[in-house]
Amino acid sequence: MKCVMRWIGPAIALAAFGLVLPRRSLAYLDPGTGSYMLQMLLALLVGGAFALKIFWKRIVAFFKRQPPAASTAEPEREQTKDDDPHSA
């Protein structure tokens, strides 16, 4: 993790430097491109909100330094002879 963190700062600086440099571009963006970018942004936001909803308890437990709550599934009970529909 430390190795990755060491490269994040220079990578962001290099990307920002590349965006600031002026260069000539002969590109064409059709009208559908803006719509597609908006759609991708909305998908990113909705997906992030869904992931946050799914993992909310784990996130809160992490910051409170508590173990996540146990699942609420019922413990399995043993099947008795009365429960078996195939018994005679």
C-alpha atoms as a PDB file:
ATOM      1  CA  MET A   1       0.000   0.000   0.000  1.00  0.00           C
ATOM      2  CA  LYS A   2       2.852   2.364   0.770  1.00  0.00           C
ATOM      3  CA  CYS A   3       4.305   1.719  -2.671  1.00  0.00           C
ATOM      4  CA  VAL A   4       1.033   2.763  -4.309  1.00  0.00           C
ATOM      5  CA  MET A   5       0.690   5.850  -2.109  1.00  0.00           C
ATOM      6  CA  ARG A   6       4.214   6.906  -3.043  1.00  0.00           C
ATOM      7  CA  TRP A   7       3.265   7.076  -6.752  1.00  0.00           C
ATOM      8  CA  ILE A   8      -0.150   8.751  -6.434  1.00  0.00           C
ATOM      9  CA  GLY A   9       1.179  12.303  -5.904  1.00  0.00           C
ATOM     10  CA  PRO A  10       3.560  12.314  -8.890  1.00  0.00           C
ATOM     11  CA  ALA A  11       0.934  10.619 -11.084  1.00  0.00           C
ATOM     12  CA  ILE A  12      -1.656  13.306 -10.267  1.00  0.00           C
ATOM     13  CA  ALA A  13       0.912  16.058 -10.859  1.00  0.00           C
ATOM     14  CA  LEU A  14       1.867  14.549 -14.231  1.00  0.00           C
ATOM     15  CA  ALA A  15      -1.789  14.211 -15.273  1.00  0.00           C
ATOM     16  CA  ALA A  16      -2.515  17.823 -14.253  1.00  0.00           C
ATOM     17  CA  PHE A  17       0.572  19.031 -16.134  1.00  0.00           C
ATOM     18  CA  GLY A  18      -0.560  17.144 -19.247  1.00  0.00           C
ATOM     19  CA  LEU A  19      -4.027  18.695 -19.077  1.00  0.00           C
ATOM     20  CA  VAL A  20      -2.666  22.236 -18.707  1.00  0.00           C
ATOM     21  CA  LEU A  21      -0.316  22.128 -21.684  1.00  0.00           C
ATOM     22  CA  PRO A  22      -1.901  23.676 -24.781  1.00  0.00           C
ATOM     23  CA  ARG A  23      -1.889  21.595 -27.943  1.00  0.00           C
ATOM     24  CA  ARG A  24      -3.720  21.651 -31.201  1.00  0.00           C
ATOM     25  CA  SER A  25      -6.545  19.171 -31.525  1.00  0.00           C
ATOM     26  CA  LEU A  26      -8.647  18.453 -34.573  1.00  0.00           C
ATOM     27  CA  ALA A  27     -11.293  16.474 -32.740  1.00  0.00           C
ATOM     28  CA  TYR A  28     -15.030  16.336 -33.293  1.00  0.00           C
ATOM     29  CA  LEU A  29     -17.516  15.625 -30.557  1.00  0.00           C
ATOM     30  CA  ASP A  30     -20.974  14.831 -31.827  1.00  0.00           C
ATOM     31  CA  PRO A  31     -24.094  15.764 -29.821  1.00  0.00           C
ATOM     32  CA  GLY A  32     -24.435  12.240 -28.415  1.00  0.00           C
ATOM     33  CA  THR A  33     -21.065  12.470 -26.671  1.00  0.00           C
ATOM     34  CA  GLY A  34     -22.299  14.925 -24.033  1.00  0.00           C
ATOM     35  CA  SER A  35     -25.326  12.751 -23.371  1.00  0.00           C
ATOM     36  CA  TYR A  36     -23.099   9.686 -23.003  1.00  0.00           C
ATOM     37  CA  MET A  37     -20.791  11.514 -20.566  1.00  0.00           C
ATOM     38  CA  LEU A  38     -23.793  12.595 -18.496  1.00  0.00           C
ATOM     39  CA  GLN A  39     -25.096   9.016 -18.507  1.00  0.00           C
ATOM     40  CA  MET A  40     -21.731   7.680 -17.326  1.00  0.00           C
ATOM     41  CA  LEU A  41     -21.560  10.314 -14.552  1.00  0.00           C
ATOM     42  CA  LEU A  42     -25.059   9.408 -13.357  1.00  0.00           C
ATOM     43  CA  ALA A  43     -24.198   5.691 -13.446  1.00  0.00           C
ATOM     44  CA  LEU A  44     -21.099   6.401 -11.361  1.00  0.00           C
ATOM     45  CA  LEU A  45     -23.118   8.346  -8.791  1.00  0.00           C
ATOM     46  CA  VAL A  46     -25.915   5.757  -8.566  1.00  0.00           C
ATOM     47  CA  GLY A  47     -23.423   2.890  -8.366  1.00  0.00           C
ATOM     48  CA  GLY A  48     -21.478   4.683  -5.632  1.00  0.00           C
ATOM     49  CA  ALA A  49     -24.669   5.364  -3.677  1.00  0.00           C
ATOM     50  CA  PHE A  50     -25.681   1.701  -3.992  1.00  0.00           C
ATOM     51  CA  ALA A  51     -22.266   0.506  -2.811  1.00  0.00           C
ATOM     52  CA  LEU A  52     -22.449   2.930   0.107  1.00  0.00           C
ATOM     53  CA  LYS A  53     -25.897   1.574   1.028  1.00  0.00           C
ATOM     54  CA  ILE A  54     -24.684  -2.031   0.865  1.00  0.00           C
ATOM     55  CA  PHE A  55     -21.543  -1.475   2.938  1.00  0.00           C
ATOM     56  CA  TRP A  56     -22.831   1.264   5.290  1.00  0.00           C
ATOM     57  CA  LYS A  57     -22.763  -0.902   8.450  1.00  0.00           C
ATOM     58  CA  ARG A  58     -19.205  -2.043   7.739  1.00  0.00           C
ATOM     59  CA  ILE A  59     -18.072   1.535   7.117  1.00  0.00           C
ATOM     60  CA  VAL A  60     -19.607   2.760  10.382  1.00  0.00           C
ATOM     61  CA  ALA A  61     -18.158  -0.212  12.284  1.00  0.00           C
ATOM     62  CA  PHE A  62     -14.719   0.533  10.817  1.00  0.00           C
ATOM     63  CA  PHE A  63     -14.755   4.131  12.033  1.00  0.00           C
ATOM     64  CA  LYS A  64     -16.195   3.168  15.422  1.00  0.00           C
ATOM     65  CA  ARG A  65     -13.580   0.395  15.702  1.00  0.00           C
ATOM     66  CA  GLN A  66     -16.256  -2.239  16.292  1.00  0.00           C
ATOM     67  CA  PRO A  67     -16.701  -5.575  14.566  1.00  0.00           C
ATOM     68  CA  PRO A  68     -19.525  -5.569  11.985  1.00  0.00           C
ATOM     69  CA  ALA A  69     -22.902  -6.808  13.160  1.00  0.00           C
ATOM     70  CA  ALA A  70     -23.539 -10.534  12.746  1.00  0.00           C
ATOM     71  CA  SER A  71     -25.915 -11.599  10.023  1.00  0.00           C
ATOM     72  CA  THR A  72     -29.553 -11.908  11.001  1.00  0.00           C
ATOM     73  CA  ALA A  73     -30.007 -15.314   9.387  1.00  0.00           C
ATOM     74  CA  GLU A  74     -31.833 -17.880  11.460  1.00  0.00           C
ATOM     75  CA  PRO A  75     -29.709 -20.706  12.810  1.00  0.00           C
ATOM     76  CA  GLU A  76     -30.516 -23.995  11.136  1.00  0.00           C
ATOM     77  CA  ARG A  77     -32.691 -26.274  13.191  1.00  0.00           C
ATOM     78  CA  GLU A  78     -32.626 -30.011  13.089  1.00  0.00           C
ATOM     79  CA  GLN A  79     -35.294 -31.671  11.009  1.00  0.00           C
ATOM     80  CA  THR A  80     -37.516 -33.962  13.062  1.00  0.00           C
ATOM     81  CA  LYS A  81     -39.536 -36.910  11.886  1.00  0.00           C
ATOM     82  CA  ASP A  82     -42.721 -34.786  12.023  1.00  0.00           C
ATOM     83  CA  ASP A  83     -41.232 -32.251   9.598  1.00  0.00           C
ATOM     84  CA  ASP A  84     -40.361 -34.824   6.939  1.00  0.00           C
ATOM     85  CA  PRO A  85     -43.189 -34.984   4.362  1.00  0.00           C
ATOM     86  CA  HIS A  86     -41.878 -38.289   2.968  1.00  0.00           C
ATOM     87  CA  SER A  87     -42.073 -40.239   6.213  1.00  0.00           C
ATOM     88  CA  ALA A  88     -44.897 -42.693   6.570  1.00  0.00           C
END
